[in-house]
Amino acid sequence: MDTGTNASTDASTDAGGAADAGTGTETGASPGRRAGHPYLLLLTTMALWGVAFSSSKAVVADVPHTVGAFLRFGGGALALLVALRFLGRGGPPVPVRGAWPAMAAGVLGVFAYNGCFFWGLSLAPALDAGILIPVLSPVLTSAFLLVTGRERPSAGRVLGLGLGLVGAAIFFLGAGGSAAGGGERLWGDALFLLSAVCWAAYTLAGPRAMAGIAPLRATTYAMCAGAALLGVLAAPDLPATAWSELSVSTWLNLAYLAVGAAAVANLLYYRGVRRVGPATASLVMFTVPVINTLCATLVLGESFGRLQGVGAGVLLAGALLAATRGGPRGGARPPRGPGGQSRAGASRARRNSSNVSMSGRSARSDGMSAR
């Protein structure tokens, strides 16, 4: 997938400004044509990710979970490299030292997240993953910002976090007592929880780590780094995979996961999050459980018990409350431009400069008239 708030939006805006300041075909000519409407980008991403939960579950039914993760993101890395070859020409060169932060973000958001995610899918239904990961990620993000003092602890935010934790506990209790899976399903859900932790950290740290690099190039670096480590993890299982017995539907799922859910979705996600910030990106992720639930129930025939349903409802309500209440400590700061100056300040500086220039011309004109 899948899955900061206003205090971290400034960092995201700074990252976007630095990236958009570059030249070349990676960034384009104008903001609107360069990245499209940010909410459309994010909603498209969520649709791709919502379907990906069920698609990934179908893949791990035929191949080891390590191999499934590697094929998804190895294929995604290849697709991004091809895109970078044809669409990324003309951009400013990025020194190796500047690429390391983006690659480190990929270790967190591609390798760690998907290592846990695909392992969890081998133990628990995709339905659980589509509830826990996208809904818990905003809760964990908000909790981090409250603990670090980057957001004021409003009553609504604290109540939402409390409800989210209670809902998660109820959901886990339901998983442990479920007739469909029992303890194995509970372990899978625990891995989904770790995935949510990785994704929350990736959403917070990613924009700053990728600052100064065009979105396509930054996403490619992150994907390649994560895919390389997933390849190391999958190496022992590759010889044992029955490649000749894989069905056409499995290969089609892998193609969709690599190109759509990995390459295209991750690129659109960071284009969107750089424009609107991690807070809004986390909110849009609430569309993922709806899409995933439809796919998992209608296509895979999955379901969860009554207690898990109650827990999912409480978790969703708490996450929505936590993500929509509160704000940055000391009030929201104005958006910043590439140079670190607020846009309002830059505008005032331009007006002052214009006034000074006009005054200078007027003074010179008066002097000429006097002569």
Protein backbone atom coordinates (compact mmCIF):
# COMPACT_ATOMS: atom_id res chain seq x y z
CA MET A 1 0.00 0.00 0.00
CA ASP A 2 -0.57 1.13 1.79
CA THR A 3 -1.73 3.70 4.32
CA GLY A 4 1.55 12.91 9.40
CA THR A 5 -0.64 15.57 10.15
CA ASN A 6 -0.63 19.32 9.83
CA ALA A 7 2.59 19.74 11.76
CA SER A 8 4.44 17.62 9.26
CA THR A 9 2.72 19.18 6.27
CA ASP A 10 5.30 21.98 6.28
CA ALA A 11 8.07 19.43 5.81
CA SER A 12 6.12 17.83 3.01
CA THR A 13 5.51 21.18 1.37
CA ASP A 14 9.20 22.03 1.62
CA ALA A 15 10.02 18.68 0.03
CA GLY A 16 7.57 19.29 -2.78
CA GLY A 17 8.93 22.75 -3.41
CA ALA A 18 12.47 21.48 -3.59
CA ALA A 19 11.52 18.69 -5.93
CA ASP A 20 9.37 20.88 -8.15
CA ALA A 21 12.11 23.45 -8.40
CA GLY A 22 14.12 21.08 -10.59
CA THR A 23 13.97 21.23 -14.33
CA GLY A 24 13.50 18.63 -17.01
CA THR A 25 10.76 16.40 -18.20
CA GLU A 26 10.37 14.66 -14.86
CA THR A 27 8.65 17.67 -13.37
CA GLY A 28 7.09 19.32 -16.39
CA ALA A 29 6.25 22.91 -17.09
CA SER A 30 3.45 23.85 -14.73
CA PRO A 31 2.22 22.61 -11.37
CA GLY A 32 -1.19 21.59 -12.64
CA ARG A 33 0.13 19.68 -15.67
CA ARG A 34 3.13 18.37 -13.73
CA ALA A 35 1.29 16.36 -11.09
CA GLY A 36 -2.43 16.61 -11.85
CA HIS A 37 -5.08 17.18 -9.22
CA PRO A 38 -3.63 15.84 -5.93
CA TYR A 39 -6.91 14.39 -4.66
CA LEU A 40 -7.50 12.56 -7.93
CA LEU A 41 -3.97 11.17 -7.71
CA LEU A 42 -4.54 9.99 -4.14
CA LEU A 43 -7.98 8.48 -4.85
CA THR A 44 -6.56 6.62 -7.86
CA THR A 45 -3.77 5.34 -5.62
CA MET A 46 -6.25 4.14 -2.99
CA ALA A 47 -8.28 2.29 -5.62
CA LEU A 48 -5.15 0.53 -6.88
CA TRP A 49 -4.13 -0.37 -3.33
CA GLY A 50 -7.64 -1.44 -2.31
CA VAL A 51 -7.72 -4.05 -5.06
CA ALA A 52 -4.11 -5.05 -4.35
CA PHE A 53 -4.93 -6.68 -0.99
CA SER A 54 -7.11 -9.35 -2.60
CA SER A 55 -4.78 -9.65 -5.58
CA SER A 56 -1.79 -10.23 -3.27
CA LYS A 57 -3.74 -12.84 -1.31
CA ALA A 58 -4.43 -14.72 -4.54
CA VAL A 59 -0.71 -14.67 -5.36
CA VAL A 60 0.48 -16.01 -1.99
CA ALA A 61 -1.90 -18.93 -2.45
CA ASP A 62 0.32 -20.10 -5.33
CA VAL A 63 3.84 -18.92 -4.39
CA PRO A 64 5.74 -18.44 -1.10
CA HIS A 65 5.03 -15.07 0.50
CA THR A 66 8.66 -13.98 0.13
CA VAL A 67 8.57 -14.71 -3.60
CA GLY A 68 5.26 -12.88 -3.99
CA ALA A 69 6.64 -9.76 -2.32
CA PHE A 70 9.80 -9.84 -4.45
CA LEU A 71 7.95 -10.37 -7.74
CA ARG A 72 5.57 -7.52 -6.96
CA PHE A 73 8.24 -4.96 -6.14
CA GLY A 74 10.98 -6.36 -8.34
CA GLY A 75 8.59 -5.97 -11.25
CA GLY A 76 7.59 -2.55 -9.97
CA ALA A 77 11.23 -1.47 -9.82
CA LEU A 78 11.78 -2.60 -13.43
CA ALA A 79 8.69 -0.69 -14.56
CA LEU A 80 9.90 2.47 -12.83
CA LEU A 81 13.38 2.12 -14.33
CA VAL A 82 11.84 1.93 -17.80
CA ALA A 83 9.68 4.97 -17.03
CA LEU A 84 12.71 6.84 -15.72
CA ARG A 85 14.65 5.99 -18.88
CA PHE A 86 12.02 7.49 -21.18
CA LEU A 87 10.36 10.15 -18.99
CA GLY A 88 13.19 11.19 -16.70
CA ARG A 89 15.64 12.52 -19.25
CA GLY A 90 16.76 16.10 -18.89
CA GLY A 91 16.36 16.35 -15.13
CA PRO A 92 19.15 17.68 -12.92
CA PRO A 93 21.73 15.06 -11.91
CA VAL A 94 21.34 13.67 -8.39
CA PRO A 95 24.57 12.95 -6.48
CA VAL A 96 24.88 9.53 -4.86
CA ARG A 97 24.81 11.13 -1.43
CA GLY A 98 21.46 12.75 -2.29
CA ALA A 99 19.96 9.39 -3.32
CA TRP A 100 20.71 7.62 -0.04
CA PRO A 101 17.77 9.15 1.94
CA ALA A 102 15.31 8.04 -0.74
CA MET A 103 16.80 4.55 -0.73
CA ALA A 104 16.57 4.43 3.08
CA ALA A 105 12.90 5.36 2.79
CA GLY A 106 12.47 2.42 0.44
CA VAL A 107 13.97 0.06 3.02
CA LEU A 108 11.26 1.16 5.42
CA GLY A 109 8.27 1.59 3.12
CA VAL A 110 8.96 -1.18 0.58
CA PHE A 111 11.10 -3.84 2.26
CA ALA A 112 9.98 -3.72 5.91
CA TYR A 113 6.34 -2.96 5.15
CA ASN A 114 5.89 -5.62 2.48
CA GLY A 115 7.99 -8.23 4.25
CA CYS A 116 5.47 -8.08 7.10
CA PHE A 117 2.46 -7.60 4.81
CA PHE A 118 3.01 -10.64 2.58
CA TRP A 119 3.96 -12.81 5.53
CA GLY A 120 0.74 -11.76 7.22
CA LEU A 121 -1.25 -12.60 4.09
CA SER A 122 0.04 -16.17 4.25
CA LEU A 123 -1.59 -16.49 7.70
CA ALA A 124 -4.65 -14.22 7.71
CA PRO A 125 -7.32 -13.06 5.22
CA ALA A 126 -6.85 -10.04 2.98
CA LEU A 127 -9.99 -8.66 4.63
CA ASP A 128 -8.09 -8.19 7.91
CA ALA A 129 -5.16 -6.50 6.17
CA GLY A 130 -7.43 -4.03 4.39
CA ILE A 131 -9.00 -3.01 7.71
CA LEU A 132 -5.97 -2.90 10.00
CA ILE A 133 -3.28 -1.31 7.83
CA PRO A 134 -5.04 1.70 6.24
CA VAL A 135 -7.11 2.46 9.36
CA LEU A 136 -4.36 2.02 11.95
CA SER A 137 -1.79 4.02 9.98
CA PRO A 138 -3.47 7.42 10.60
CA VAL A 139 -3.99 6.51 14.28
CA LEU A 140 -0.31 5.66 14.71
CA THR A 141 0.73 8.79 12.81
CA SER A 142 -1.41 11.01 15.04
CA ALA A 143 -0.14 9.28 18.17
CA PHE A 144 3.46 9.89 17.14
CA LEU A 145 2.85 13.59 16.51
CA LEU A 146 1.10 13.99 19.85
CA VAL A 147 3.87 12.24 21.76
CA THR A 148 6.56 14.34 20.07
CA GLY A 149 4.68 17.58 20.75
CA ARG A 150 4.15 18.42 17.10
CA GLU A 151 0.39 18.54 17.65
CA ARG A 152 -1.71 19.94 20.45
CA PRO A 153 -3.53 17.20 22.44
CA SER A 154 -7.13 18.23 21.80
CA ALA A 155 -9.90 16.29 23.52
CA GLY A 156 -11.22 15.00 20.20
CA ARG A 157 -7.82 13.78 19.08
CA VAL A 158 -7.11 11.96 22.36
CA LEU A 159 -10.61 10.42 22.36
CA GLY A 160 -10.15 9.27 18.77
CA LEU A 161 -6.81 7.65 19.55
CA GLY A 162 -8.32 5.92 22.57
CA LEU A 163 -11.23 4.59 20.51
CA GLY A 164 -8.81 3.44 17.83
CA LEU A 165 -6.75 1.45 20.31
CA VAL A 166 -9.88 -0.08 21.86
CA GLY A 167 -11.20 -1.00 18.42
CA ALA A 168 -7.89 -2.61 17.48
CA ALA A 169 -7.91 -4.62 20.72
CA ILE A 170 -11.47 -5.84 20.04
CA PHE A 171 -10.53 -6.74 16.48
CA PHE A 172 -7.53 -8.76 17.67
CA LEU A 173 -9.63 -10.54 20.30
CA GLY A 174 -12.10 -11.45 17.58
CA ALA A 175 -9.30 -12.76 15.37
CA GLY A 176 -7.91 -14.93 18.16
CA GLY A 177 -11.29 -16.47 18.84
CA SER A 178 -12.33 -16.78 15.20
CA ALA A 179 -13.27 -20.21 13.94
CA ALA A 180 -11.65 -19.30 10.60
CA GLY A 181 -7.98 -19.30 11.45
CA GLY A 182 -7.74 -18.92 15.22
CA GLY A 183 -4.20 -18.41 16.45
CA GLU A 184 -2.72 -18.38 12.96
CA ARG A 185 -5.04 -15.58 11.95
CA LEU A 186 -4.06 -13.64 15.08
CA TRP A 187 -0.36 -13.88 14.17
CA GLY A 188 -1.16 -12.67 10.68
CA ASP A 189 -3.02 -9.68 12.10
CA ALA A 190 -0.03 -8.92 14.34
CA LEU A 191 2.13 -8.76 11.20
CA PHE A 192 -0.40 -6.39 9.64
CA LEU A 193 0.00 -4.20 12.72
CA LEU A 194 3.77 -4.09 12.12
CA SER A 195 3.05 -3.18 8.51
CA ALA A 196 0.90 -0.26 9.67
CA VAL A 197 3.76 0.94 11.90
CA CYS A 198 6.16 0.83 8.94
CA TRP A 199 3.74 2.68 6.67
CA ALA A 200 3.04 5.42 9.23
CA ALA A 201 6.78 5.99 9.60
CA TYR A 202 7.23 5.95 5.80
CA THR A 203 4.48 8.55 5.33
CA LEU A 204 6.06 10.83 7.94
CA ALA A 205 9.69 10.46 6.91
CA GLY A 206 9.34 9.92 3.17
CA PRO A 207 8.68 13.49 1.93
CA ARG A 208 11.65 14.90 3.84
CA ALA A 209 13.91 11.99 2.83
CA MET A 210 13.00 12.51 -0.83
CA ALA A 211 13.31 16.31 -0.77
CA GLY A 212 15.20 17.78 -3.70
CA ILE A 213 14.58 14.79 -5.99
CA ALA A 214 11.86 14.67 -8.65
CA PRO A 215 9.02 12.27 -7.66
CA LEU A 216 9.67 9.71 -10.42
CA ARG A 217 13.38 9.48 -9.65
CA ALA A 218 12.85 9.40 -5.86
CA THR A 219 10.19 6.68 -6.11
CA THR A 220 12.46 4.63 -8.39
CA TYR A 221 15.35 4.83 -5.92
CA ALA A 222 13.09 3.79 -3.04
CA MET A 223 11.52 0.93 -4.99
CA CYS A 224 14.86 -0.44 -6.20
CA ALA A 225 16.38 -0.41 -2.72
CA GLY A 226 13.38 -2.17 -1.17
CA ALA A 227 13.09 -4.69 -4.02
CA ALA A 228 16.78 -5.62 -3.74
CA LEU A 229 16.35 -6.54 -0.07
CA LEU A 230 13.13 -8.42 -0.81
CA GLY A 231 15.11 -10.38 -3.40
CA VAL A 232 17.66 -11.40 -0.77
CA LEU A 233 14.80 -12.50 1.49
CA ALA A 234 13.17 -14.51 -1.30
CA ALA A 235 16.36 -16.16 -2.61
CA PRO A 236 16.00 -19.42 -0.59
CA ASP A 237 12.42 -19.91 -1.82
CA LEU A 238 12.93 -19.14 -5.51
CA PRO A 239 14.28 -22.60 -6.53
CA ALA A 240 11.39 -24.36 -4.78
CA THR A 241 8.70 -22.37 -6.61
CA ALA A 242 6.77 -24.40 -9.18
CA TRP A 243 6.99 -21.82 -11.96
CA SER A 244 5.57 -24.06 -14.69
CA GLU A 245 2.43 -24.72 -12.63
CA LEU A 246 1.49 -21.08 -12.09
CA SER A 247 -1.83 -20.22 -13.70
CA VAL A 248 -2.50 -17.36 -16.11
CA SER A 249 -4.52 -15.58 -13.42
CA THR A 250 -1.53 -15.68 -11.07
CA TRP A 251 0.71 -14.06 -13.69
CA LEU A 252 -1.95 -11.45 -14.43
CA ASN A 253 -2.22 -10.66 -10.72
CA LEU A 254 1.56 -10.33 -10.50
CA ALA A 255 1.60 -7.99 -13.50
CA TYR A 256 -1.09 -5.83 -11.94
CA LEU A 257 0.69 -5.77 -8.57
CA ALA A 258 4.03 -4.83 -10.14
CA VAL A 259 2.89 -2.16 -12.59
CA GLY A 260 -0.33 -0.82 -11.10
CA ALA A 261 -0.21 -1.34 -7.34
CA ALA A 262 3.57 -0.92 -6.96
CA ALA A 263 5.04 1.35 -9.66
CA VAL A 264 2.11 3.58 -10.62
CA ALA A 265 0.47 3.72 -7.19
CA ASN A 266 3.64 4.60 -5.27
CA LEU A 267 4.52 7.31 -7.79
CA LEU A 268 1.03 8.84 -7.62
CA TYR A 269 1.03 8.59 -3.83
CA TYR A 270 4.15 10.67 -3.38
CA ARG A 271 3.07 13.15 -6.03
CA GLY A 272 -0.13 13.58 -4.04
CA VAL A 273 1.39 13.64 -0.56
CA ARG A 274 3.91 16.28 -1.64
CA ARG A 275 1.03 18.52 -2.70
CA VAL A 276 -1.41 18.09 0.20
CA GLY A 277 0.78 16.74 3.02
CA PRO A 278 0.73 13.49 5.02
CA ALA A 279 -2.37 14.52 7.00
CA THR A 280 -4.73 14.57 4.02
CA ALA A 281 -3.03 11.55 2.47
CA SER A 282 -3.77 9.59 5.66
CA LEU A 283 -7.42 10.68 5.54
CA VAL A 284 -7.87 9.56 1.94
CA MET A 285 -6.63 6.11 2.99
CA PHE A 286 -10.02 5.52 4.64
CA THR A 287 -11.35 4.67 1.17
CA VAL A 288 -9.07 1.62 1.00
CA PRO A 289 -11.04 -0.54 3.52
CA VAL A 290 -14.24 0.01 1.53
CA ILE A 291 -12.67 -1.11 -1.76
CA ASN A 292 -10.82 -4.00 -0.12
CA THR A 293 -13.92 -5.24 1.72
CA LEU A 294 -15.86 -5.38 -1.54
CA CYS A 295 -13.06 -7.28 -3.30
CA ALA A 296 -12.34 -9.69 -0.42
CA THR A 297 -15.97 -10.61 0.15
CA LEU A 298 -17.15 -10.75 -3.46
CA VAL A 299 -14.05 -12.22 -5.13
CA LEU A 300 -12.33 -14.24 -2.39
CA GLY A 301 -15.41 -15.07 -0.32
CA GLU A 302 -13.75 -13.91 2.93
CA SER A 303 -15.56 -12.77 6.05
CA PHE A 304 -14.98 -12.01 9.71
CA GLY A 305 -16.98 -12.67 12.84
CA ARG A 306 -19.30 -10.35 14.73
CA LEU A 307 -16.69 -9.36 17.31
CA GLN A 308 -14.20 -8.43 14.59
CA GLY A 309 -16.91 -6.42 12.87
CA VAL A 310 -17.54 -4.45 16.06
CA GLY A 311 -13.82 -3.88 16.51
CA ALA A 312 -13.46 -2.69 12.90
CA GLY A 313 -16.31 -0.21 13.39
CA VAL A 314 -14.86 1.21 16.62
CA LEU A 315 -11.38 1.37 15.08
CA LEU A 316 -12.66 3.22 12.01
CA ALA A 317 -14.65 5.71 14.11
CA GLY A 318 -11.66 6.38 16.36
CA ALA A 319 -9.29 6.79 13.41
CA LEU A 320 -11.59 9.29 11.69
CA LEU A 321 -11.96 11.28 14.92
CA ALA A 322 -8.21 11.25 15.56
CA ALA A 323 -7.32 12.27 12.02
CA THR A 324 -9.81 15.16 11.81
CA ARG A 325 -9.35 16.77 15.22
CA GLY A 326 -6.44 18.83 16.51
CA GLY A 327 -3.64 20.60 14.69
CA PRO A 328 -0.05 21.72 14.95
CA ARG A 329 1.15 23.18 18.20
CA GLY A 330 1.20 26.95 18.05
CA GLY A 331 -1.07 27.14 14.99
CA ALA A 332 -0.56 26.24 11.40
CA ARG A 333 2.37 27.79 9.64
CA PRO A 334 2.00 29.20 6.13
CA PRO A 335 3.17 27.10 3.20
CA ARG A 336 6.82 27.52 2.35
CA GLY A 337 8.52 27.93 -0.96
CA PRO A 338 11.66 26.20 -2.21
CA GLY A 339 13.94 28.69 -0.44
CA GLY A 340 12.41 28.04 2.98
CA GLN A 341 10.58 31.41 3.02
CA SER A 342 6.83 31.42 3.47
CA ARG A 343 4.89 32.15 0.33
CA ALA A 344 3.16 35.11 1.98
CA GLY A 345 6.54 36.45 3.02
CA ALA A 346 7.93 35.96 -0.45
CA SER A 347 4.95 37.81 -1.89
CA ARG A 348 5.46 40.71 0.52
CA ALA A 349 9.14 40.80 -0.37
CA ARG A 350 8.32 41.00 -4.07
CA ARG A 351 5.84 43.83 -3.45
CA ASN A 352 8.36 45.72 -1.32
CA SER A 353 11.02 45.24 -3.99
CA SER A 354 8.61 46.51 -6.63
CA ASN A 355 7.73 49.55 -4.51
CA VAL A 356 11.41 50.32 -3.94
CA SER A 357 12.09 50.00 -7.66
CA MET A 358 9.18 52.29 -8.53
CA SER A 359 10.31 54.83 -5.92
CA GLY A 360 13.80 54.74 -7.40
CA ARG A 361 12.50 55.34 -10.91
CA SER A 362 10.30 58.19 -9.65
CA ALA A 363 13.27 59.80 -7.91
CA ARG A 364 15.38 59.55 -11.04
CA SER A 365 12.55 61.09 -13.07
CA ASP A 366 12.21 63.99 -10.62
CA GLY A 367 15.97 64.57 -10.81
CA MET A 368 15.88 64.68 -14.58
CA SER A 369 12.98 67.15 -14.48
CA ALA A 370 14.88 69.34 -12.05
CA ARG A 371 17.89 69.36 -14.38
